[in-house]
PDB file of N, CA and C in Angstrom:
ATOM      1  N   UNK A   1     -28.198 -19.445 -18.594  1.00  0.00           N
ATOM      2  CA  UNK A   1     -27.057 -18.961 -19.945  1.00  0.00           C
ATOM      3  C   UNK A   1     -27.382 -17.303 -19.891  1.00  0.00           C
ATOM      4  N   UNK A   2     -26.094 -16.679 -19.764  1.00  0.00           N
ATOM      5  CA  UNK A   2     -25.918 -15.278 -20.062  1.00  0.00           C
ATOM      6  C   UNK A   2     -26.122 -15.334 -21.575  1.00  0.00           C
ATOM      7  N   UNK A   3     -26.734 -13.954 -22.101  1.00  0.00           N
ATOM      8  CA  UNK A   3     -27.260 -13.439 -22.766  1.00  0.00           C
ATOM      9  C   UNK A   3     -25.905 -12.576 -23.410  1.00  0.00           C
ATOM     10  N   UNK A   4     -25.528 -12.418 -24.914  1.00  0.00           N
ATOM     11  CA  UNK A   4     -24.716 -12.166 -25.481  1.00  0.00           C
ATOM     12  C   UNK A   4     -24.624 -10.393 -24.863  1.00  0.00           C
ATOM     13  N   UNK A   5     -25.760  -9.654 -24.779  1.00  0.00           N
ATOM     14  CA  UNK A   5     -25.666  -8.368 -24.309  1.00  0.00           C
ATOM     15  C   UNK A   5     -25.910  -8.173 -22.678  1.00  0.00           C
ATOM     16  N   UNK A   6     -25.590  -9.278 -21.768  1.00  0.00           N
ATOM     17  CA  UNK A   6     -25.428  -9.733 -20.884  1.00  0.00           C
ATOM     18  C   UNK A   6     -23.787  -9.556 -20.686  1.00  0.00           C
ATOM     19  N   UNK A   7     -23.799 -10.203 -21.018  1.00  0.00           N
ATOM     20  CA  UNK A   7     -21.809 -10.696 -20.682  1.00  0.00           C
ATOM     21  C   UNK A   7     -21.246  -9.083 -21.297  1.00  0.00           C
ATOM     22  N   UNK A   8     -21.782  -8.012 -22.135  1.00  0.00           N
ATOM     23  CA  UNK A   8     -21.418  -7.043 -22.987  1.00  0.00           C
ATOM     24  C   UNK A   8     -21.390  -5.904 -21.903  1.00  0.00           C
ATOM     25  N   UNK A   9     -22.985  -5.882 -21.162  1.00  0.00           N
ATOM     26  CA  UNK A   9     -22.736  -5.114 -20.038  1.00  0.00           C
ATOM     27  C   UNK A   9     -22.064  -5.758 -18.698  1.00  0.00           C
ATOM     28  N   UNK A  10     -21.991  -6.547 -18.890  1.00  0.00           N
ATOM     29  CA  UNK A  10     -20.957  -6.956 -17.377  1.00  0.00           C
ATOM     30  C   UNK A  10     -19.586  -6.892 -17.417  1.00  0.00           C
ATOM     31  N   UNK A  11     -19.293  -7.029 -18.863  1.00  0.00           N
ATOM     32  CA  UNK A  11     -17.650  -6.262 -19.029  1.00  0.00           C
ATOM     33  C   UNK A  11     -17.760  -4.643 -18.856  1.00  0.00           C
ATOM     34  N   UNK A  12     -18.591  -4.214 -19.356  1.00  0.00           N
ATOM     35  CA  UNK A  12     -18.630  -2.719 -19.333  1.00  0.00           C
ATOM     36  C   UNK A  12     -18.563  -2.247 -17.869  1.00  0.00           C
ATOM     37  N   UNK A  13     -19.529  -3.070 -16.956  1.00  0.00           N
ATOM     38  CA  UNK A  13     -19.324  -2.478 -15.116  1.00  0.00           C
ATOM     39  C   UNK A  13     -17.992  -3.366 -14.864  1.00  0.00           C
ATOM     40  N   UNK A  14     -17.482  -3.934 -15.230  1.00  0.00           N
ATOM     41  CA  UNK A  14     -15.973  -4.640 -14.446  1.00  0.00           C
ATOM     42  C   UNK A  14     -14.882  -3.499 -15.217  1.00  0.00           C
ATOM     43  N   UNK A  15     -15.172  -3.022 -16.254  1.00  0.00           N
ATOM     44  CA  UNK A  15     -13.962  -1.863 -16.612  1.00  0.00           C
ATOM     45  C   UNK A  15     -14.131  -1.074 -16.315  1.00  0.00           C
ATOM     46  N   UNK A  16     -15.616  -0.308 -15.852  1.00  0.00           N
ATOM     47  CA  UNK A  16     -15.590   0.720 -14.937  1.00  0.00           C
ATOM     48  C   UNK A  16     -15.073   0.620 -13.498  1.00  0.00           C
ATOM     49  N   UNK A  17     -15.517  -0.365 -12.906  1.00  0.00           N
ATOM     50  CA  UNK A  17     -15.002  -0.820 -11.362  1.00  0.00           C
ATOM     51  C   UNK A  17     -13.676  -0.993 -11.418  1.00  0.00           C
ATOM     52  N   UNK A  18     -13.170  -1.637 -12.719  1.00  0.00           N
ATOM     53  CA  UNK A  18     -11.445  -1.829 -12.583  1.00  0.00           C
ATOM     54  C   UNK A  18     -11.116  -0.054 -12.539  1.00  0.00           C
ATOM     55  N   UNK A  19     -11.469   0.660 -13.398  1.00  0.00           N
ATOM     56  CA  UNK A  19     -10.862   2.249 -13.483  1.00  0.00           C
ATOM     57  C   UNK A  19     -10.438   2.627 -12.095  1.00  0.00           C
ATOM     58  N   UNK A  20     -12.511   2.672 -11.628  1.00  0.00           N
ATOM     59  CA  UNK A  20     -12.319   3.641 -10.038  1.00  0.00           C
ATOM     60  C   UNK A  20     -11.397   3.009  -9.762  1.00  0.00           C
ATOM     61  N   UNK A  21     -11.572   1.959  -9.217  1.00  0.00           N
ATOM     62  CA  UNK A  21     -10.488   1.341  -8.389  1.00  0.00           C
ATOM     63  C   UNK A  21      -9.042   1.249  -8.304  1.00  0.00           C
ATOM     64  N   UNK A  22      -8.465   1.458 -10.057  1.00  0.00           N
ATOM     65  CA  UNK A  22      -7.060   1.752  -9.979  1.00  0.00           C
ATOM     66  C   UNK A  22      -6.698   3.439  -9.642  1.00  0.00           C
ATOM     67  N   UNK A  23      -7.544   4.080 -10.350  1.00  0.00           N
ATOM     68  CA  UNK A  23      -7.264   5.219  -9.661  1.00  0.00           C
ATOM     69  C   UNK A  23      -7.273   6.020  -8.319  1.00  0.00           C
ATOM     70  N   UNK A  24      -8.147   5.125  -7.280  1.00  0.00           N
ATOM     71  CA  UNK A  24      -7.944   5.012  -6.038  1.00  0.00           C
ATOM     72  C   UNK A  24      -6.909   4.818  -5.928  1.00  0.00           C
ATOM     73  N   UNK A  25      -6.140   3.449  -5.828  1.00  0.00           N
ATOM     74  CA  UNK A  25      -4.924   2.824  -5.832  1.00  0.00           C
ATOM     75  C   UNK A  25      -3.932   3.777  -6.319  1.00  0.00           C
ATOM     76  N   UNK A  26      -3.888   4.753  -7.247  1.00  0.00           N
ATOM     77  CA  UNK A  26      -3.230   5.358  -7.728  1.00  0.00           C
ATOM     78  C   UNK A  26      -3.013   6.744  -7.082  1.00  0.00           C
ATOM     79  N   UNK A  27      -4.099   7.246  -6.465  1.00  0.00           N
ATOM     80  CA  UNK A  27      -4.261   8.085  -5.901  1.00  0.00           C
ATOM     81  C   UNK A  27      -3.556   8.011  -4.537  1.00  0.00           C
ATOM     82  N   UNK A  28      -3.916   6.845  -3.572  1.00  0.00           N
ATOM     83  CA  UNK A  28      -3.015   6.154  -2.318  1.00  0.00           C
ATOM     84  C   UNK A  28      -1.766   6.222  -2.384  1.00  0.00           C
ATOM     85  N   UNK A  29      -1.640   5.268  -3.533  1.00  0.00           N
ATOM     86  CA  UNK A  29      -0.279   5.114  -3.602  1.00  0.00           C
ATOM     87  C   UNK A  29       1.248   6.198  -4.016  1.00  0.00           C
ATOM     88  N   UNK A  30       0.560   6.608  -5.146  1.00  0.00           N
ATOM     89  CA  UNK A  30       1.564   7.705  -5.727  1.00  0.00           C
ATOM     90  C   UNK A  30       1.033   9.250  -4.288  1.00  0.00           C
ATOM     91  N   UNK A  31      -0.380   9.509  -4.667  1.00  0.00           N
ATOM     92  CA  UNK A  31      -0.614  10.776  -4.399  1.00  0.00           C
ATOM     93  C   UNK A  31      -0.008  10.972  -2.580  1.00  0.00           C
ATOM     94  N   UNK A  32      -0.439  10.226  -1.800  1.00  0.00           N
ATOM     95  CA  UNK A  32      -0.404  10.075  -0.146  1.00  0.00           C
ATOM     96  C   UNK A  32       0.889   9.820  -0.214  1.00  0.00           C
ATOM     97  N   UNK A  33       1.281   9.024  -0.595  1.00  0.00           N
ATOM     98  CA  UNK A  33       2.881   8.230  -0.416  1.00  0.00           C
ATOM     99  C   UNK A  33       4.121   8.819  -1.147  1.00  0.00           C
ATOM    100  N   UNK A  34       3.873   9.586  -2.092  1.00  0.00           N
ATOM    101  CA  UNK A  34       4.649  10.198  -2.816  1.00  0.00           C
ATOM    102  C   UNK A  34       4.749  11.812  -2.871  1.00  0.00           C
ATOM    103  N   UNK A  35       3.653  12.431  -3.680  1.00  0.00           N
ATOM    104  CA  UNK A  35       3.382  13.426  -4.166  1.00  0.00           C
ATOM    105  C   UNK A  35       3.051  14.702  -3.066  1.00  0.00           C
ATOM    106  N   UNK A  36       2.156  14.084  -2.280  1.00  0.00           N
ATOM    107  CA  UNK A  36       1.635  14.793  -0.999  1.00  0.00           C
ATOM    108  C   UNK A  36       2.454  14.529   0.269  1.00  0.00           C
ATOM    109  N   UNK A  37       3.245  14.055   0.251  1.00  0.00           N
ATOM    110  CA  UNK A  37       3.859  13.438   1.572  1.00  0.00           C
ATOM    111  C   UNK A  37       4.236  13.925   2.603  1.00  0.00           C
ATOM    112  N   UNK A  38       4.639  15.307   1.841  1.00  0.00           N
ATOM    113  CA  UNK A  38       5.562  16.457   3.006  1.00  0.00           C
ATOM    114  C   UNK A  38       4.398  17.355   4.031  1.00  0.00           C
ATOM    115  N   UNK A  39       3.538  17.569   3.168  1.00  0.00           N
ATOM    116  CA  UNK A  39       2.003  18.033   3.519  1.00  0.00           C
ATOM    117  C   UNK A  39       1.472  17.055   4.685  1.00  0.00           C
ATOM    118  N   UNK A  40       1.401  15.864   4.173  1.00  0.00           N
ATOM    119  CA  UNK A  40       0.768  14.511   5.047  1.00  0.00           C
ATOM    120  C   UNK A  40       1.827  14.704   6.471  1.00  0.00           C
ATOM    121  N   UNK A  41       3.027  14.879   5.943  1.00  0.00           N
ATOM    122  CA  UNK A  41       3.659  14.806   7.301  1.00  0.00           C
ATOM    123  C   UNK A  41       3.579  15.878   8.047  1.00  0.00           C
ATOM    124  N   UNK A  42       2.975  16.613   8.074  1.00  0.00           N
ATOM    125  CA  UNK A  42       2.300  17.432   9.357  1.00  0.00           C
ATOM    126  C   UNK A  42       1.404  17.261  10.620  1.00  0.00           C
ATOM    127  N   UNK A  43       0.857  15.707  10.117  1.00  0.00           N
ATOM    128  CA  UNK A  43       0.234  14.977  10.735  1.00  0.00           C
ATOM    129  C   UNK A  43       0.248  13.726  11.119  1.00  0.00           C
ATOM    130  N   UNK A  44       0.397  13.372  12.621  1.00  0.00           N
ATOM    131  CA  UNK A  44       1.087  12.328  13.043  1.00  0.00           C
ATOM    132  C   UNK A  44      -0.475  11.161  13.340  1.00  0.00           C
ATOM    133  N   UNK A  45       0.398   9.923  13.110  1.00  0.00           N
ATOM    134  CA  UNK A  45      -0.840   8.649  12.992  1.00  0.00           C
ATOM    135  C   UNK A  45      -0.136   7.887  13.574  1.00  0.00           C
ATOM    136  N   UNK A  46      -0.536   7.110  14.799  1.00  0.00           N
ATOM    137  CA  UNK A  46       0.084   5.874  15.290  1.00  0.00           C
ATOM    138  C   UNK A  46       1.313   6.474  15.906  1.00  0.00           C
ATOM    139  N   UNK A  47       1.847   7.843  15.812  1.00  0.00           N
ATOM    140  CA  UNK A  47       3.214   8.053  16.248  1.00  0.00           C
ATOM    141  C   UNK A  47       4.406   8.340  15.086  1.00  0.00           C
ATOM    142  N   UNK A  48       3.441   7.772  13.992  1.00  0.00           N
ATOM    143  CA  UNK A  48       4.482   8.261  12.843  1.00  0.00           C
ATOM    144  C   UNK A  48       3.660   9.422  12.119  1.00  0.00           C
ATOM    145  N   UNK A  49       4.598  10.031  11.157  1.00  0.00           N
ATOM    146  CA  UNK A  49       4.017  11.436  10.489  1.00  0.00           C
ATOM    147  C   UNK A  49       3.521  10.334   9.424  1.00  0.00           C
ATOM    148  N   UNK A  50       2.293  10.785   9.013  1.00  0.00           N
ATOM    149  CA  UNK A  50       0.979  10.235   8.090  1.00  0.00           C
ATOM    150  C   UNK A  50       1.810  10.265   6.798  1.00  0.00           C
ATOM    151  N   UNK A  51       2.560  11.001   6.209  1.00  0.00           N
ATOM    152  CA  UNK A  51       2.964  10.473   5.044  1.00  0.00           C
ATOM    153  C   UNK A  51       3.912   9.589   4.579  1.00  0.00           C
ATOM    154  N   UNK A  52       4.883   9.256   5.800  1.00  0.00           N
ATOM    155  CA  UNK A  52       5.729   8.288   6.084  1.00  0.00           C
ATOM    156  C   UNK A  52       4.969   7.029   6.048  1.00  0.00           C
ATOM    157  N   UNK A  53       3.950   7.124   6.984  1.00  0.00           N
ATOM    158  CA  UNK A  53       3.008   5.926   7.234  1.00  0.00           C
ATOM    159  C   UNK A  53       2.290   5.314   6.030  1.00  0.00           C
ATOM    160  N   UNK A  54       1.873   6.595   5.493  1.00  0.00           N
ATOM    161  CA  UNK A  54       0.864   6.409   4.069  1.00  0.00           C
ATOM    162  C   UNK A  54       1.735   5.632   3.096  1.00  0.00           C
ATOM    163  N   UNK A  55       3.161   5.568   3.043  1.00  0.00           N
ATOM    164  CA  UNK A  55       3.840   5.218   1.932  1.00  0.00           C
ATOM    165  C   UNK A  55       4.418   3.655   2.068  1.00  0.00           C
ATOM    166  N   UNK A  56       4.655   3.504   3.571  1.00  0.00           N
ATOM    167  CA  UNK A  56       5.127   2.164   4.093  1.00  0.00           C
ATOM    168  C   UNK A  56       3.953   1.238   4.527  1.00  0.00           C
ATOM    169  N   UNK A  57       2.623   1.723   5.173  1.00  0.00           N
ATOM    170  CA  UNK A  57       1.745   0.646   5.532  1.00  0.00           C
ATOM    171  C   UNK A  57       0.568   1.177   4.949  1.00  0.00           C
ATOM    172  N   UNK A  58      -0.339   2.596   5.362  1.00  0.00           N
ATOM    173  CA  UNK A  58      -0.935   2.624   4.143  1.00  0.00           C
ATOM    174  C   UNK A  58      -1.844   2.243   3.141  1.00  0.00           C
ATOM    175  N   UNK A  59      -1.054   2.263   2.442  1.00  0.00           N
ATOM    176  CA  UNK A  59      -1.221   2.272   1.124  1.00  0.00           C
ATOM    177  C   UNK A  59      -1.555   0.450   1.171  1.00  0.00           C
ATOM    178  N   UNK A  60      -0.663  -0.004   1.463  1.00  0.00           N
ATOM    179  CA  UNK A  60      -0.916  -1.581   1.501  1.00  0.00           C
ATOM    180  C   UNK A  60      -2.130  -2.237   1.811  1.00  0.00           C
ATOM    181  N   UNK A  61      -2.674  -0.839   3.123  1.00  0.00           N
ATOM    182  CA  UNK A  61      -3.805  -1.509   3.446  1.00  0.00           C
ATOM    183  C   UNK A  61      -4.793  -1.330   2.940  1.00  0.00           C
ATOM    184  N   UNK A  62      -4.971  -0.143   2.101  1.00  0.00           N
ATOM    185  CA  UNK A  62      -5.977   0.036   1.396  1.00  0.00           C
ATOM    186  C   UNK A  62      -5.677  -0.754   0.051  1.00  0.00           C
ATOM    187  N   UNK A  63      -4.876  -1.070  -0.510  1.00  0.00           N
ATOM    188  CA  UNK A  63      -4.709  -2.434  -1.785  1.00  0.00           C
ATOM    189  C   UNK A  63      -5.341  -3.794  -0.989  1.00  0.00           C
ATOM    190  N   UNK A  64      -5.198  -3.627  -0.078  1.00  0.00           N
ATOM    191  CA  UNK A  64      -5.903  -5.162   0.261  1.00  0.00           C
ATOM    192  C   UNK A  64      -7.460  -5.110   0.615  1.00  0.00           C
ATOM    193  N   UNK A  65      -7.881  -3.662   0.931  1.00  0.00           N
ATOM    194  CA  UNK A  65      -9.175  -3.423   1.032  1.00  0.00           C
ATOM    195  C   UNK A  65      -9.824  -3.306  -0.158  1.00  0.00           C
ATOM    196  N   UNK A  66      -9.204  -2.688  -1.201  1.00  0.00           N
ATOM    197  CA  UNK A  66      -9.691  -2.708  -2.458  1.00  0.00           C
ATOM    198  C   UNK A  66      -9.603  -4.242  -3.435  1.00  0.00           C
ATOM    199  N   UNK A  67      -8.692  -5.120  -3.086  1.00  0.00           N
ATOM    200  CA  UNK A  67      -9.383  -6.284  -3.255  1.00  0.00           C
ATOM    201  C   UNK A  67     -10.058  -7.039  -2.905  1.00  0.00           C
ATOM    202  N   UNK A  68     -10.684  -6.635  -1.681  1.00  0.00           N
ATOM    203  CA  UNK A  68     -11.889  -7.307  -0.721  1.00  0.00           C
ATOM    204  C   UNK A  68     -13.049  -6.680  -1.405  1.00  0.00           C
ATOM    205  N   UNK A  69     -12.841  -5.273  -2.009  1.00  0.00           N
ATOM    206  CA  UNK A  69     -13.954  -4.515  -2.238  1.00  0.00           C
ATOM    207  C   UNK A  69     -14.707  -5.029  -3.750  1.00  0.00           C
ATOM    208  N   UNK A  70     -13.088  -5.556  -4.844  1.00  0.00           N
ATOM    209  CA  UNK A  70     -13.522  -5.818  -5.908  1.00  0.00           C
ATOM    210  C   UNK A  70     -14.045  -7.361  -5.720  1.00  0.00           C
ATOM    211  N   UNK A  71     -13.379  -8.291  -5.133  1.00  0.00           N
ATOM    212  CA  UNK A  71     -14.314  -9.366  -5.063  1.00  0.00           C
ATOM    213  C   UNK A  71     -15.667  -9.486  -4.736  1.00  0.00           C
ATOM    214  N   UNK A  72     -15.942  -8.524  -3.628  1.00  0.00           N
ATOM    215  CA  UNK A  72     -17.485  -8.836  -3.216  1.00  0.00           C
ATOM    216  C   UNK A  72     -18.343  -8.023  -4.406  1.00  0.00           C
ATOM    217  N   UNK A  73     -17.556  -6.942  -5.010  1.00  0.00           N
ATOM    218  CA  UNK A  73     -18.351  -6.315  -5.698  1.00  0.00           C
ATOM    219  C   UNK A  73     -18.743  -6.808  -7.346  1.00  0.00           C
ATOM    220  N   UNK A  74     -17.751  -7.611  -7.804  1.00  0.00           N
ATOM    221  CA  UNK A  74     -17.443  -8.044  -8.648  1.00  0.00           C
ATOM    222  C   UNK A  74     -18.992  -9.876  -8.570  1.00  0.00           C
ATOM    223  N   UNK A  75     -18.885 -10.402  -7.292  1.00  0.00           N
ATOM    224  CA  UNK A  75     -19.910 -11.224  -6.851  1.00  0.00           C
ATOM    225  C   UNK A  75     -21.442 -10.561  -7.103  1.00  0.00           C
ATOM    226  N   UNK A  76     -21.630  -9.357  -7.030  1.00  0.00           N
ATOM    227  CA  UNK A  76     -22.460  -9.035  -7.018  1.00  0.00           C
ATOM    228  C   UNK A  76     -23.011  -8.816  -8.560  1.00  0.00           C
ATOM    229  N   UNK A  77     -21.674  -8.485  -9.376  1.00  0.00           N
ATOM    230  CA  UNK A  77     -22.113  -7.890 -10.703  1.00  0.00           C
ATOM    231  C   UNK A  77     -22.527  -9.189 -11.417  1.00  0.00           C
ATOM    232  N   UNK A  78     -21.770 -10.304 -11.146  1.00  0.00           N
ATOM    233  CA  UNK A  78     -22.252 -11.744 -11.831  1.00  0.00           C
ATOM    234  C   UNK A  78     -22.962 -12.141 -11.382  1.00  0.00           C
ATOM    235  N   UNK A  79     -24.170 -11.842 -10.340  1.00  0.00           N
ATOM    236  CA  UNK A  79     -25.223 -12.548 -10.155  1.00  0.00           C
ATOM    237  C   UNK A  79     -26.194 -11.017 -10.854  1.00  0.00           C
ATOM    238  N   UNK A  80     -25.948 -10.084 -10.988  1.00  0.00           N
ATOM    239  CA  UNK A  80     -26.713  -9.334 -11.799  1.00  0.00           C
ATOM    240  C   UNK A  80     -26.725  -9.297 -13.234  1.00  0.00           C
ATOM    241  N   UNK A  81     -25.834  -9.955 -13.735  1.00  0.00           N
ATOM    242  CA  UNK A  81     -25.683 -10.214 -15.302  1.00  0.00           C
ATOM    243  C   UNK A  81     -25.792 -11.773 -15.574  1.00  0.00           C
ATOM    244  N   UNK A  82     -26.135 -12.364 -14.692  1.00  0.00           N
ATOM    245  CA  UNK A  82     -26.229 -13.907 -14.732  1.00  0.00           C
ATOM    246  C   UNK A  82     -25.166 -14.480 -15.461  1.00  0.00           C
ATOM    247  N   UNK A  83     -23.846 -14.407 -14.541  1.00  0.00           N
ATOM    248  CA  UNK A  83     -22.877 -14.495 -15.305  1.00  0.00           C
ATOM    249  C   UNK A  83     -21.896 -15.558 -14.510  1.00  0.00           C
ATOM    250  N   UNK A  84     -22.859 -15.163 -13.150  1.00  0.00           N
ATOM    251  CA  UNK A  84     -22.212 -16.029 -12.103  1.00  0.00           C
ATOM    252  C   UNK A  84     -22.316 -17.754 -12.346  1.00  0.00           C
ATOM    253  N   UNK A  85     -20.973 -18.096 -11.571  1.00  0.00           N
ATOM    254  CA  UNK A  85     -20.876 -19.503 -11.584  1.00  0.00           C
ATOM    255  C   UNK A  85     -21.408 -20.434 -10.379  1.00  0.00           C
ATOM    256  N   UNK A  86     -21.920 -21.839 -10.842  1.00  0.00           N
ATOM    257  CA  UNK A  86     -23.392 -22.376 -10.133  1.00  0.00           C
ATOM    258  C   UNK A  86     -22.193 -23.053  -8.887  1.00  0.00           C
TER     259      UNK A  86
END
């Protein structure tokens, strides 16, 4: 059984992880796909301008990667704070 202290520490670690991943998502989605698209369009990637590619596909790939990382990292945190399911 997890102690109340472990549960609070687990929740704080979860919030830190969520905050950092949401900042990464916002940077990629809004920054690379909208705000800096004109600068990124100077670079070609897979035959497309990078700004266009990030807005259409790149941000989706990053989002899927964020989800996979979150699952992996939360499993580690669950075991670390002894709140994992058996």
